[in-house]
Amino acid sequence: MRTFTFMKQINFIFYYSLSILLLLALPSCAKKIAFLNSSVVPAAQGNVTMKVDKNFHMPLLNILIVLIVVGVILWLVNNFVPMDQKIKSILNVVAVIIVIIWLLRAFGIVSI
């Protein structure tokens, strides 16, 4: 029985450190990149612009991070919050339904 609790603590530390690592990696994706002016193509100014999508499309990395964070929160609630099993299962079902709807919106399949 002692090994089981030890494995829970190892899993908790692993998921916690993974989420911290991912949160620290996010600012590195927001760097502005400046290119040199082109001598081959005179009209090239060396700037890069990104279009903002009005259809709620998100980058894949953001979707992955949100899924990991939601999974870690559900795991923490299921393992460490003393609650009736029926309430936990209802909470899990509601969270999965919300995540599925959010994913459908993020990929542009449904516009709710």
PDB file of N, CA and C in Angstrom:
ATOM      1  N   MET A   1       0.821  -1.184   0.000  1.00  0.00           N
ATOM      2  CA  MET A   1       0.000   0.000   0.000  1.00  0.00           C
ATOM      3  C   MET A   1       0.869   1.253   0.000  1.00  0.00           C
ATOM      4  N   ARG A   2       2.025   1.179   0.601  1.00  0.00           N
ATOM      5  CA  ARG A   2       2.920   2.329   0.663  1.00  0.00           C
ATOM      6  C   ARG A   2       3.407   2.720  -0.733  1.00  0.00           C
ATOM      7  N   THR A   3       3.642   1.741  -1.597  1.00  0.00           N
ATOM      8  CA  THR A   3       4.114   2.041  -2.942  1.00  0.00           C
ATOM      9  C   THR A   3       3.058   2.776  -3.749  1.00  0.00           C
ATOM     10  N   PHE A   4       1.815   2.463  -3.530  1.00  0.00           N
ATOM     11  CA  PHE A   4       0.742   3.104  -4.270  1.00  0.00           C
ATOM     12  C   PHE A   4       0.696   4.605  -3.969  1.00  0.00           C
ATOM     13  N   THR A   5       0.820   4.981  -2.710  1.00  0.00           N
ATOM     14  CA  THR A   5       0.827   6.402  -2.356  1.00  0.00           C
ATOM     15  C   THR A   5       2.087   7.067  -2.881  1.00  0.00           C
ATOM     16  N   PHE A   6       3.185   6.349  -2.855  1.00  0.00           N
ATOM     17  CA  PHE A   6       4.421   6.902  -3.382  1.00  0.00           C
ATOM     18  C   PHE A   6       4.289   7.168  -4.881  1.00  0.00           C
ATOM     19  N   MET A   7       3.651   6.258  -5.610  1.00  0.00           N
ATOM     20  CA  MET A   7       3.439   6.444  -7.042  1.00  0.00           C
ATOM     21  C   MET A   7       2.498   7.616  -7.310  1.00  0.00           C
ATOM     22  N   LYS A   8       1.508   7.820  -6.452  1.00  0.00           N
ATOM     23  CA  LYS A   8       0.618   8.972  -6.600  1.00  0.00           C
ATOM     24  C   LYS A   8       1.402  10.264  -6.443  1.00  0.00           C
ATOM     25  N   GLN A   9       2.299  10.290  -5.466  1.00  0.00           N
ATOM     26  CA  GLN A   9       3.104  11.490  -5.256  1.00  0.00           C
ATOM     27  C   GLN A   9       4.046  11.729  -6.428  1.00  0.00           C
ATOM     28  N   ILE A  10       4.619  10.673  -6.967  1.00  0.00           N
ATOM     29  CA  ILE A  10       5.498  10.789  -8.129  1.00  0.00           C
ATOM     30  C   ILE A  10       4.710  11.327  -9.324  1.00  0.00           C
ATOM     31  N   ASN A  11       3.498  10.780  -9.538  1.00  0.00           N
ATOM     32  CA  ASN A  11       2.667  11.261 -10.643  1.00  0.00           C
ATOM     33  C   ASN A  11       2.295  12.723 -10.445  1.00  0.00           C
ATOM     34  N   PHE A  12       1.954  13.111  -9.238  1.00  0.00           N
ATOM     35  CA  PHE A  12       1.594  14.496  -8.957  1.00  0.00           C
ATOM     36  C   PHE A  12       2.768  15.423  -9.246  1.00  0.00           C
ATOM     37  N   ILE A  13       3.949  15.053  -8.797  1.00  0.00           N
ATOM     38  CA  ILE A  13       5.138  15.875  -9.033  1.00  0.00           C
ATOM     39  C   ILE A  13       5.431  15.967 -10.525  1.00  0.00           C
ATOM     40  N   PHE A  14       5.273  14.850 -11.224  1.00  0.00           N
ATOM     41  CA  PHE A  14       5.519  14.837 -12.667  1.00  0.00           C
ATOM     42  C   PHE A  14       4.554  15.764 -13.399  1.00  0.00           C
ATOM     43  N   TYR A  15       3.258  15.639 -13.126  1.00  0.00           N
ATOM     44  CA  TYR A  15       2.276  16.469 -13.812  1.00  0.00           C
ATOM     45  C   TYR A  15       2.418  17.937 -13.433  1.00  0.00           C
ATOM     46  N   TYR A  16       2.719  18.219 -12.192  1.00  0.00           N
ATOM     47  CA  TYR A  16       2.901  19.594 -11.747  1.00  0.00           C
ATOM     48  C   TYR A  16       4.118  20.225 -12.426  1.00  0.00           C
ATOM     49  N   SER A  17       5.228  19.501 -12.480  1.00  0.00           N
ATOM     50  CA  SER A  17       6.427  20.043 -13.117  1.00  0.00           C
ATOM     51  C   SER A  17       6.234  20.176 -14.624  1.00  0.00           C
ATOM     52  N   LEU A  18       5.485  19.260 -15.234  1.00  0.00           N
ATOM     53  CA  LEU A  18       5.210  19.356 -16.656  1.00  0.00           C
ATOM     54  C   LEU A  18       4.361  20.580 -16.968  1.00  0.00           C
ATOM     55  N   SER A  19       3.362  20.849 -16.143  1.00  0.00           N
ATOM     56  CA  SER A  19       2.526  22.029 -16.384  1.00  0.00           C
ATOM     57  C   SER A  19       3.321  23.315 -16.167  1.00  0.00           C
ATOM     58  N   ILE A  20       4.185  23.357 -15.160  1.00  0.00           N
ATOM     59  CA  ILE A  20       5.026  24.538 -14.944  1.00  0.00           C
ATOM     60  C   ILE A  20       5.969  24.741 -16.122  1.00  0.00           C
ATOM     61  N   LEU A  21       6.546  23.662 -16.630  1.00  0.00           N
ATOM     62  CA  LEU A  21       7.455  23.750 -17.765  1.00  0.00           C
ATOM     63  C   LEU A  21       6.740  24.284 -18.993  1.00  0.00           C
ATOM     64  N   LEU A  22       5.521  23.809 -19.241  1.00  0.00           N
ATOM     65  CA  LEU A  22       4.771  24.289 -20.387  1.00  0.00           C
ATOM     66  C   LEU A  22       4.382  25.755 -20.238  1.00  0.00           C
ATOM     67  N   LEU A  23       4.017  26.159 -19.020  1.00  0.00           N
ATOM     68  CA  LEU A  23       3.663  27.559 -18.806  1.00  0.00           C
ATOM     69  C   LEU A  23       4.866  28.479 -18.970  1.00  0.00           C
ATOM     70  N   LEU A  24       6.044  27.996 -18.616  1.00  0.00           N
ATOM     71  CA  LEU A  24       7.246  28.800 -18.796  1.00  0.00           C
ATOM     72  C   LEU A  24       7.683  28.853 -20.257  1.00  0.00           C
ATOM     73  N   ALA A  25       7.287  27.864 -21.038  1.00  0.00           N
ATOM     74  CA  ALA A  25       7.666  27.830 -22.450  1.00  0.00           C
ATOM     75  C   ALA A  25       6.783  28.729 -23.308  1.00  0.00           C
ATOM     76  N   LEU A  26       5.628  29.131 -22.798  1.00  0.00           N
ATOM     77  CA  LEU A  26       4.717  29.962 -23.592  1.00  0.00           C
ATOM     78  C   LEU A  26       5.294  31.311 -24.003  1.00  0.00           C
ATOM     79  N   PRO A  27       5.943  32.054 -23.120  1.00  0.00           N
ATOM     80  CA  PRO A  27       6.452  33.363 -23.553  1.00  0.00           C
ATOM     81  C   PRO A  27       7.501  33.276 -24.657  1.00  0.00           C
ATOM     82  N   SER A  28       8.159  32.145 -24.794  1.00  0.00           N
ATOM     83  CA  SER A  28       9.162  32.019 -25.840  1.00  0.00           C
ATOM     84  C   SER A  28       8.530  31.965 -27.224  1.00  0.00           C
ATOM     85  N   CYS A  29       7.235  31.670 -27.300  1.00  0.00           N
ATOM     86  CA  CYS A  29       6.544  31.618 -28.592  1.00  0.00           C
ATOM     87  C   CYS A  29       6.094  33.004 -29.046  1.00  0.00           C
ATOM     88  N   ALA A  30       6.186  34.000 -28.201  1.00  0.00           N
ATOM     89  CA  ALA A  30       5.664  35.323 -28.515  1.00  0.00           C
ATOM     90  C   ALA A  30       6.755  36.311 -28.902  1.00  0.00           C
ATOM     91  N   LYS A  31       7.869  35.836 -29.397  1.00  0.00           N
ATOM     92  CA  LYS A  31       8.956  36.727 -29.779  1.00  0.00           C
ATOM     93  C   LYS A  31       8.698  37.310 -31.171  1.00  0.00           C
ATOM     94  N   LYS A  32       9.029  38.574 -31.333  1.00  0.00           N
ATOM     95  CA  LYS A  32       8.910  39.220 -32.625  1.00  0.00           C
ATOM     96  C   LYS A  32      10.184  38.946 -33.409  1.00  0.00           C
ATOM     97  N   ILE A  33      10.011  38.503 -34.632  1.00  0.00           N
ATOM     98  CA  ILE A  33      11.152  38.154 -35.464  1.00  0.00           C
ATOM     99  C   ILE A  33      11.330  39.240 -36.517  1.00  0.00           C
ATOM    100  N   ALA A  34      12.504  39.790 -36.595  1.00  0.00           N
ATOM    101  CA  ALA A  34      12.811  40.811 -37.600  1.00  0.00           C
ATOM    102  C   ALA A  34      13.797  40.215 -38.607  1.00  0.00           C
ATOM    103  N   PHE A  35      13.459  40.347 -39.872  1.00  0.00           N
ATOM    104  CA  PHE A  35      14.310  39.838 -40.928  1.00  0.00           C
ATOM    105  C   PHE A  35      15.063  40.999 -41.575  1.00  0.00           C
ATOM    106  N   LEU A  36      16.161  40.688 -42.208  1.00  0.00           N
ATOM    107  CA  LEU A  36      16.930  41.705 -42.912  1.00  0.00           C
ATOM    108  C   LEU A  36      16.195  42.111 -44.184  1.00  0.00           C
ATOM    109  N   ASN A  37      16.425  43.348 -44.629  1.00  0.00           N
ATOM    110  CA  ASN A  37      15.847  43.796 -45.890  1.00  0.00           C
ATOM    111  C   ASN A  37      16.477  43.014 -47.032  1.00  0.00           C
ATOM    112  N   SER A  38      15.653  42.687 -48.003  1.00  0.00           N
ATOM    113  CA  SER A  38      16.111  41.876 -49.111  1.00  0.00           C
ATOM    114  C   SER A  38      16.717  42.740 -50.208  1.00  0.00           C
ATOM    115  N   SER A  39      17.878  42.347 -50.681  1.00  0.00           N
ATOM    116  CA  SER A  39      18.472  43.053 -51.813  1.00  0.00           C
ATOM    117  C   SER A  39      18.029  42.420 -53.127  1.00  0.00           C
ATOM    118  N   VAL A  40      17.531  41.193 -53.052  1.00  0.00           N
ATOM    119  CA  VAL A  40      17.067  40.502 -54.250  1.00  0.00           C
ATOM    120  C   VAL A  40      15.675  40.994 -54.633  1.00  0.00           C
ATOM    121  N   VAL A  41      14.797  41.103 -53.648  1.00  0.00           N
ATOM    122  CA  VAL A  41      13.446  41.585 -53.875  1.00  0.00           C
ATOM    123  C   VAL A  41      13.352  42.959 -53.228  1.00  0.00           C
ATOM    124  N   PRO A  42      13.391  44.021 -54.020  1.00  0.00           N
ATOM    125  CA  PRO A  42      13.451  45.364 -53.449  1.00  0.00           C
ATOM    126  C   PRO A  42      12.220  45.750 -52.626  1.00  0.00           C
ATOM    127  N   ALA A  43      11.078  45.160 -52.900  1.00  0.00           N
ATOM    128  CA  ALA A  43       9.854  45.543 -52.184  1.00  0.00           C
ATOM    129  C   ALA A  43       9.767  44.897 -50.809  1.00  0.00           C
ATOM    130  N   ALA A  44      10.612  43.932 -50.541  1.00  0.00           N
ATOM    131  CA  ALA A  44      10.535  43.242 -49.253  1.00  0.00           C
ATOM    132  C   ALA A  44      11.085  44.136 -48.160  1.00  0.00           C
ATOM    133  N   GLN A  45      10.290  44.381 -47.150  1.00  0.00           N
ATOM    134  CA  GLN A  45      10.686  45.270 -46.064  1.00  0.00           C
ATOM    135  C   GLN A  45      11.328  44.534 -44.900  1.00  0.00           C
ATOM    136  N   GLY A  46      11.169  43.226 -44.830  1.00  0.00           N
ATOM    137  CA  GLY A  46      11.749  42.474 -43.732  1.00  0.00           C
ATOM    138  C   GLY A  46      10.831  42.343 -42.533  1.00  0.00           C
ATOM    139  N   ASN A  47       9.552  42.628 -42.692  1.00  0.00           N
ATOM    140  CA  ASN A  47       8.580  42.489 -41.597  1.00  0.00           C
ATOM    141  C   ASN A  47       7.680  41.297 -41.856  1.00  0.00           C
ATOM    142  N   VAL A  48       7.264  40.662 -40.785  1.00  0.00           N
ATOM    143  CA  VAL A  48       6.337  39.545 -40.878  1.00  0.00           C
ATOM    144  C   VAL A  48       5.086  39.910 -40.115  1.00  0.00           C
ATOM    145  N   THR A  49       3.933  39.793 -40.750  1.00  0.00           N
ATOM    146  CA  THR A  49       2.668  40.062 -40.070  1.00  0.00           C
ATOM    147  C   THR A  49       1.840  38.799 -40.063  1.00  0.00           C
ATOM    148  N   MET A  50       1.102  38.628 -38.984  1.00  0.00           N
ATOM    149  CA  MET A  50       0.229  37.464 -38.860  1.00  0.00           C
ATOM    150  C   MET A  50      -1.207  37.950 -38.871  1.00  0.00           C
ATOM    151  N   LYS A  51      -2.058  37.254 -39.603  1.00  0.00           N
ATOM    152  CA  LYS A  51      -3.465  37.606 -39.650  1.00  0.00           C
ATOM    153  C   LYS A  51      -4.169  37.016 -38.433  1.00  0.00           C
ATOM    154  N   VAL A  52      -5.076  37.787 -37.867  1.00  0.00           N
ATOM    155  CA  VAL A  52      -5.870  37.303 -36.750  1.00  0.00           C
ATOM    156  C   VAL A  52      -7.125  36.669 -37.322  1.00  0.00           C
ATOM    157  N   ASP A  53      -7.367  35.439 -36.958  1.00  0.00           N
ATOM    158  CA  ASP A  53      -8.524  34.714 -37.462  1.00  0.00           C
ATOM    159  C   ASP A  53      -9.746  35.066 -36.631  1.00  0.00           C
ATOM    160  N   LYS A  54     -10.822  35.474 -37.267  1.00  0.00           N
ATOM    161  CA  LYS A  54     -12.032  35.855 -36.548  1.00  0.00           C
ATOM    162  C   LYS A  54     -12.937  34.662 -36.275  1.00  0.00           C
ATOM    163  N   ASN A  55     -12.520  33.478 -36.657  1.00  0.00           N
ATOM    164  CA  ASN A  55     -13.346  32.289 -36.469  1.00  0.00           C
ATOM    165  C   ASN A  55     -12.964  31.495 -35.234  1.00  0.00           C
ATOM    166  N   PHE A  56     -12.302  32.110 -34.278  1.00  0.00           N
ATOM    167  CA  PHE A  56     -11.914  31.483 -33.019  1.00  0.00           C
ATOM    168  C   PHE A  56     -10.933  30.336 -33.225  1.00  0.00           C
ATOM    169  N   HIS A  57     -10.174  30.329 -34.322  1.00  0.00           N
ATOM    170  CA  HIS A  57      -9.176  29.285 -34.511  1.00  0.00           C
ATOM    171  C   HIS A  57      -7.979  29.588 -33.626  1.00  0.00           C
ATOM    172  N   MET A  58      -7.433  28.539 -33.024  1.00  0.00           N
ATOM    173  CA  MET A  58      -6.321  28.701 -32.094  1.00  0.00           C
ATOM    174  C   MET A  58      -5.127  27.896 -32.581  1.00  0.00           C
ATOM    175  N   PRO A  59      -3.931  28.311 -32.220  1.00  0.00           N
ATOM    176  CA  PRO A  59      -2.757  27.498 -32.552  1.00  0.00           C
ATOM    177  C   PRO A  59      -2.812  26.150 -31.822  1.00  0.00           C
ATOM    178  N   LEU A  60      -2.214  25.161 -32.430  1.00  0.00           N
ATOM    179  CA  LEU A  60      -2.262  23.802 -31.892  1.00  0.00           C
ATOM    180  C   LEU A  60      -1.592  23.702 -30.534  1.00  0.00           C
ATOM    181  N   LEU A  61      -0.536  24.476 -30.319  1.00  0.00           N
ATOM    182  CA  LEU A  61       0.157  24.444 -29.031  1.00  0.00           C
ATOM    183  C   LEU A  61      -0.753  24.925 -27.904  1.00  0.00           C
ATOM    184  N   ASN A  62      -1.521  25.983 -28.149  1.00  0.00           N
ATOM    185  CA  ASN A  62      -2.444  26.470 -27.131  1.00  0.00           C
ATOM    186  C   ASN A  62      -3.516  25.444 -26.802  1.00  0.00           C
ATOM    187  N   ILE A  63      -4.019  24.770 -27.823  1.00  0.00           N
ATOM    188  CA  ILE A  63      -5.029  23.738 -27.600  1.00  0.00           C
ATOM    189  C   ILE A  63      -4.444  22.610 -26.762  1.00  0.00           C
ATOM    190  N   LEU A  64      -3.234  22.195 -27.082  1.00  0.00           N
ATOM    191  CA  LEU A  64      -2.583  21.126 -26.329  1.00  0.00           C
ATOM    192  C   LEU A  64      -2.349  21.526 -24.876  1.00  0.00           C
ATOM    193  N   ILE A  65      -1.931  22.752 -24.646  1.00  0.00           N
ATOM    194  CA  ILE A  65      -1.677  23.214 -23.278  1.00  0.00           C
ATOM    195  C   ILE A  65      -2.969  23.261 -22.478  1.00  0.00           C
ATOM    196  N   VAL A  66      -4.044  23.757 -23.094  1.00  0.00           N
ATOM    197  CA  VAL A  66      -5.332  23.806 -22.391  1.00  0.00           C
ATOM    198  C   VAL A  66      -5.811  22.398 -22.052  1.00  0.00           C
ATOM    199  N   LEU A  67      -5.649  21.459 -22.974  1.00  0.00           N
ATOM    200  CA  LEU A  67      -6.056  20.075 -22.691  1.00  0.00           C
ATOM    201  C   LEU A  67      -5.236  19.477 -21.552  1.00  0.00           C
ATOM    202  N   ILE A  68      -3.954  19.760 -21.509  1.00  0.00           N
ATOM    203  CA  ILE A  68      -3.112  19.244 -20.435  1.00  0.00           C
ATOM    204  C   ILE A  68      -3.519  19.859 -19.100  1.00  0.00           C
ATOM    205  N   VAL A  69      -3.767  21.173 -19.083  1.00  0.00           N
ATOM    206  CA  VAL A  69      -4.154  21.836 -17.835  1.00  0.00           C
ATOM    207  C   VAL A  69      -5.491  21.316 -17.334  1.00  0.00           C
ATOM    208  N   VAL A  70      -6.457  21.148 -18.238  1.00  0.00           N
ATOM    209  CA  VAL A  70      -7.760  20.606 -17.829  1.00  0.00           C
ATOM    210  C   VAL A  70      -7.603  19.187 -17.312  1.00  0.00           C
ATOM    211  N   GLY A  71      -6.773  18.395 -17.971  1.00  0.00           N
ATOM    212  CA  GLY A  71      -6.537  17.027 -17.504  1.00  0.00           C
ATOM    213  C   GLY A  71      -5.889  16.980 -16.130  1.00  0.00           C
ATOM    214  N   VAL A  72      -4.926  17.862 -15.900  1.00  0.00           N
ATOM    215  CA  VAL A  72      -4.266  17.904 -14.582  1.00  0.00           C
ATOM    216  C   VAL A  72      -5.246  18.348 -13.506  1.00  0.00           C
ATOM    217  N   ILE A  73      -6.083  19.334 -13.812  1.00  0.00           N
ATOM    218  CA  ILE A  73      -7.066  19.789 -12.825  1.00  0.00           C
ATOM    219  C   ILE A  73      -8.060  18.676 -12.506  1.00  0.00           C
ATOM    220  N   LEU A  74      -8.540  17.979 -13.532  1.00  0.00           N
ATOM    221  CA  LEU A  74      -9.451  16.852 -13.274  1.00  0.00           C
ATOM    222  C   LEU A  74      -8.769  15.750 -12.472  1.00  0.00           C
ATOM    223  N   TRP A  75      -7.508  15.493 -12.781  1.00  0.00           N
ATOM    224  CA  TRP A  75      -6.788  14.462 -12.046  1.00  0.00           C
ATOM    225  C   TRP A  75      -6.633  14.858 -10.575  1.00  0.00           C
ATOM    226  N   LEU A  76      -6.311  16.139 -10.342  1.00  0.00           N
ATOM    227  CA  LEU A  76      -6.169  16.616  -8.967  1.00  0.00           C
ATOM    228  C   LEU A  76      -7.487  16.518  -8.212  1.00  0.00           C
ATOM    229  N   VAL A  77      -8.577  16.910  -8.867  1.00  0.00           N
ATOM    230  CA  VAL A  77      -9.889  16.823  -8.208  1.00  0.00           C
ATOM    231  C   VAL A  77     -10.238  15.369  -7.917  1.00  0.00           C
ATOM    232  N   ASN A  78     -10.004  14.481  -8.865  1.00  0.00           N
ATOM    233  CA  ASN A  78     -10.362  13.071  -8.679  1.00  0.00           C
ATOM    234  C   ASN A  78      -9.526  12.390  -7.601  1.00  0.00           C
ATOM    235  N   ASN A  79      -8.283  12.817  -7.434  1.00  0.00           N
ATOM    236  CA  ASN A  79      -7.415  12.117  -6.495  1.00  0.00           C
ATOM    237  C   ASN A  79      -7.320  12.767  -5.120  1.00  0.00           C
ATOM    238  N   PHE A  80      -7.472  14.079  -5.039  1.00  0.00           N
ATOM    239  CA  PHE A  80      -7.180  14.740  -3.772  1.00  0.00           C
ATOM    240  C   PHE A  80      -8.356  15.459  -3.119  1.00  0.00           C
ATOM    241  N   VAL A  81      -9.475  15.633  -3.819  1.00  0.00           N
ATOM    242  CA  VAL A  81     -10.634  16.295  -3.224  1.00  0.00           C
ATOM    243  C   VAL A  81     -11.584  15.214  -2.706  1.00  0.00           C
ATOM    244  N   PRO A  82     -11.849  15.227  -1.401  1.00  0.00           N
ATOM    245  CA  PRO A  82     -12.768  14.215  -0.863  1.00  0.00           C
ATOM    246  C   PRO A  82     -14.205  14.557  -1.257  1.00  0.00           C
ATOM    247  N   MET A  83     -14.749  13.750  -2.165  1.00  0.00           N
ATOM    248  CA  MET A  83     -16.072  14.000  -2.704  1.00  0.00           C
ATOM    249  C   MET A  83     -16.719  12.657  -3.014  1.00  0.00           C
ATOM    250  N   ASP A  84     -18.038  12.630  -3.024  1.00  0.00           N
ATOM    251  CA  ASP A  84     -18.752  11.411  -3.370  1.00  0.00           C
ATOM    252  C   ASP A  84     -18.415  11.018  -4.820  1.00  0.00           C
ATOM    253  N   GLN A  85     -18.337   9.720  -5.078  1.00  0.00           N
ATOM    254  CA  GLN A  85     -17.944   9.227  -6.393  1.00  0.00           C
ATOM    255  C   GLN A  85     -18.948   9.639  -7.477  1.00  0.00           C
ATOM    256  N   LYS A  86     -20.225   9.717  -7.114  1.00  0.00           N
ATOM    257  CA  LYS A  86     -21.236  10.115  -8.096  1.00  0.00           C
ATOM    258  C   LYS A  86     -21.026  11.567  -8.529  1.00  0.00           C
ATOM    259  N   ILE A  87     -20.706  12.420  -7.581  1.00  0.00           N
ATOM    260  CA  ILE A  87     -20.462  13.833  -7.908  1.00  0.00           C
ATOM    261  C   ILE A  87     -19.206  13.965  -8.762  1.00  0.00           C
ATOM    262  N   LYS A  88     -18.183  13.170  -8.461  1.00  0.00           N
ATOM    263  CA  LYS A  88     -16.960  13.207  -9.263  1.00  0.00           C
ATOM    264  C   LYS A  88     -17.229  12.765 -10.694  1.00  0.00           C
ATOM    265  N   SER A  89     -18.039  11.721 -10.859  1.00  0.00           N
ATOM    266  CA  SER A  89     -18.336  11.242 -12.213  1.00  0.00           C
ATOM    267  C   SER A  89     -19.160  12.264 -12.985  1.00  0.00           C
ATOM    268  N   ILE A  90     -20.111  12.937 -12.309  1.00  0.00           N
ATOM    269  CA  ILE A  90     -20.876  13.994 -12.969  1.00  0.00           C
ATOM    270  C   ILE A  90     -19.954  15.137 -13.374  1.00  0.00           C
ATOM    271  N   LEU A  91     -19.037  15.508 -12.490  1.00  0.00           N
ATOM    272  CA  LEU A  91     -18.078  16.568 -12.785  1.00  0.00           C
ATOM    273  C   LEU A  91     -17.205  16.189 -13.978  1.00  0.00           C
ATOM    274  N   ASN A  92     -16.765  14.946 -14.035  1.00  0.00           N
ATOM    275  CA  ASN A  92     -15.948  14.479 -15.158  1.00  0.00           C
ATOM    276  C   ASN A  92     -16.721  14.536 -16.475  1.00  0.00           C
ATOM    277  N   VAL A  93     -17.976  14.090 -16.442  1.00  0.00           N
ATOM    278  CA  VAL A  93     -18.790  14.095 -17.665  1.00  0.00           C
ATOM    279  C   VAL A  93     -19.017  15.526 -18.145  1.00  0.00           C
ATOM    280  N   VAL A  94     -19.338  16.422 -17.230  1.00  0.00           N
ATOM    281  CA  VAL A  94     -19.559  17.827 -17.603  1.00  0.00           C
ATOM    282  C   VAL A  94     -18.276  18.439 -18.171  1.00  0.00           C
ATOM    283  N   ALA A  95     -17.145  18.158 -17.545  1.00  0.00           N
ATOM    284  CA  ALA A  95     -15.872  18.698 -18.031  1.00  0.00           C
ATOM    285  C   ALA A  95     -15.542  18.155 -19.422  1.00  0.00           C
ATOM    286  N   VAL A  96     -15.785  16.871 -19.649  1.00  0.00           N
ATOM    287  CA  VAL A  96     -15.499  16.284 -20.966  1.00  0.00           C
ATOM    288  C   VAL A  96     -16.413  16.887 -22.028  1.00  0.00           C
ATOM    289  N   ILE A  97     -17.690  17.082 -21.711  1.00  0.00           N
ATOM    290  CA  ILE A  97     -18.619  17.679 -22.674  1.00  0.00           C
ATOM    291  C   ILE A  97     -18.197  19.111 -23.013  1.00  0.00           C
ATOM    292  N   ILE A  98     -17.820  19.881 -21.987  1.00  0.00           N
ATOM    293  CA  ILE A  98     -17.371  21.258 -22.229  1.00  0.00           C
ATOM    294  C   ILE A  98     -16.104  21.280 -23.075  1.00  0.00           C
ATOM    295  N   VAL A  99     -15.164  20.376 -22.806  1.00  0.00           N
ATOM    296  CA  VAL A  99     -13.920  20.330 -23.579  1.00  0.00           C
ATOM    297  C   VAL A  99     -14.194  19.918 -25.024  1.00  0.00           C
ATOM    298  N   ILE A 100     -15.115  18.980 -25.230  1.00  0.00           N
ATOM    299  CA  ILE A 100     -15.454  18.558 -26.601  1.00  0.00           C
ATOM    300  C   ILE A 100     -16.075  19.716 -27.377  1.00  0.00           C
ATOM    301  N   ILE A 101     -17.005  20.445 -26.751  1.00  0.00           N
ATOM    302  CA  ILE A 101     -17.620  21.599 -27.417  1.00  0.00           C
ATOM    303  C   ILE A 101     -16.559  22.660 -27.709  1.00  0.00           C
ATOM    304  N   TRP A 102     -15.674  22.892 -26.756  1.00  0.00           N
ATOM    305  CA  TRP A 102     -14.608  23.872 -26.954  1.00  0.00           C
ATOM    306  C   TRP A 102     -13.687  23.455 -28.105  1.00  0.00           C
ATOM    307  N   LEU A 103     -13.356  22.151 -28.188  1.00  0.00           N
ATOM    308  CA  LEU A 103     -12.508  21.668 -29.276  1.00  0.00           C
ATOM    309  C   LEU A 103     -13.198  21.818 -30.630  1.00  0.00           C
ATOM    310  N   LEU A 104     -14.493  21.521 -30.672  1.00  0.00           N
ATOM    311  CA  LEU A 104     -15.234  21.681 -31.928  1.00  0.00           C
ATOM    312  C   LEU A 104     -15.236  23.146 -32.373  1.00  0.00           C
ATOM    313  N   ARG A 105     -15.353  24.062 -31.418  1.00  0.00           N
ATOM    314  CA  ARG A 105     -15.283  25.494 -31.744  1.00  0.00           C
ATOM    315  C   ARG A 105     -13.873  25.885 -32.167  1.00  0.00           C
ATOM    316  N   ALA A 106     -12.874  25.349 -31.490  1.00  0.00           N
ATOM    317  CA  ALA A 106     -11.487  25.714 -31.793  1.00  0.00           C
ATOM    318  C   ALA A 106     -11.075  25.270 -33.187  1.00  0.00           C
ATOM    319  N   PHE A 107     -11.594  24.133 -33.642  1.00  0.00           N
ATOM    320  CA  PHE A 107     -11.258  23.646 -34.984  1.00  0.00           C
ATOM    321  C   PHE A 107     -12.215  24.167 -36.046  1.00  0.00           C
ATOM    322  N   GLY A 108     -13.206  24.968 -35.639  1.00  0.00           N
ATOM    323  CA  GLY A 108     -14.111  25.579 -36.599  1.00  0.00           C
ATOM    324  C   GLY A 108     -15.190  24.678 -37.117  1.00  0.00           C
ATOM    325  N   ILE A 109     -15.460  23.563 -36.441  1.00  0.00           N
ATOM    326  CA  ILE A 109     -16.493  22.640 -36.886  1.00  0.00           C
ATOM    327  C   ILE A 109     -17.877  23.138 -36.479  1.00  0.00           C
ATOM    328  N   VAL A 110     -17.973  23.698 -35.278  1.00  0.00           N
ATOM    329  CA  VAL A 110     -19.235  24.201 -34.742  1.00  0.00           C
ATOM    330  C   VAL A 110     -19.041  25.663 -34.395  1.00  0.00           C
ATOM    331  N   SER A 111     -20.042  26.470 -34.678  1.00  0.00           N
ATOM    332  CA  SER A 111     -19.972  27.887 -34.267  1.00  0.00           C
ATOM    333  C   SER A 111     -21.142  28.171 -33.342  1.00  0.00           C
ATOM    334  N   ILE A 112     -20.909  27.946 -32.072  1.00  0.00           N
ATOM    335  CA  ILE A 112     -21.958  28.160 -31.060  1.00  0.00           C
ATOM    336  C   ILE A 112     -21.739  29.508 -30.412  1.00  0.00           C
TER     337      ILE A 112
END
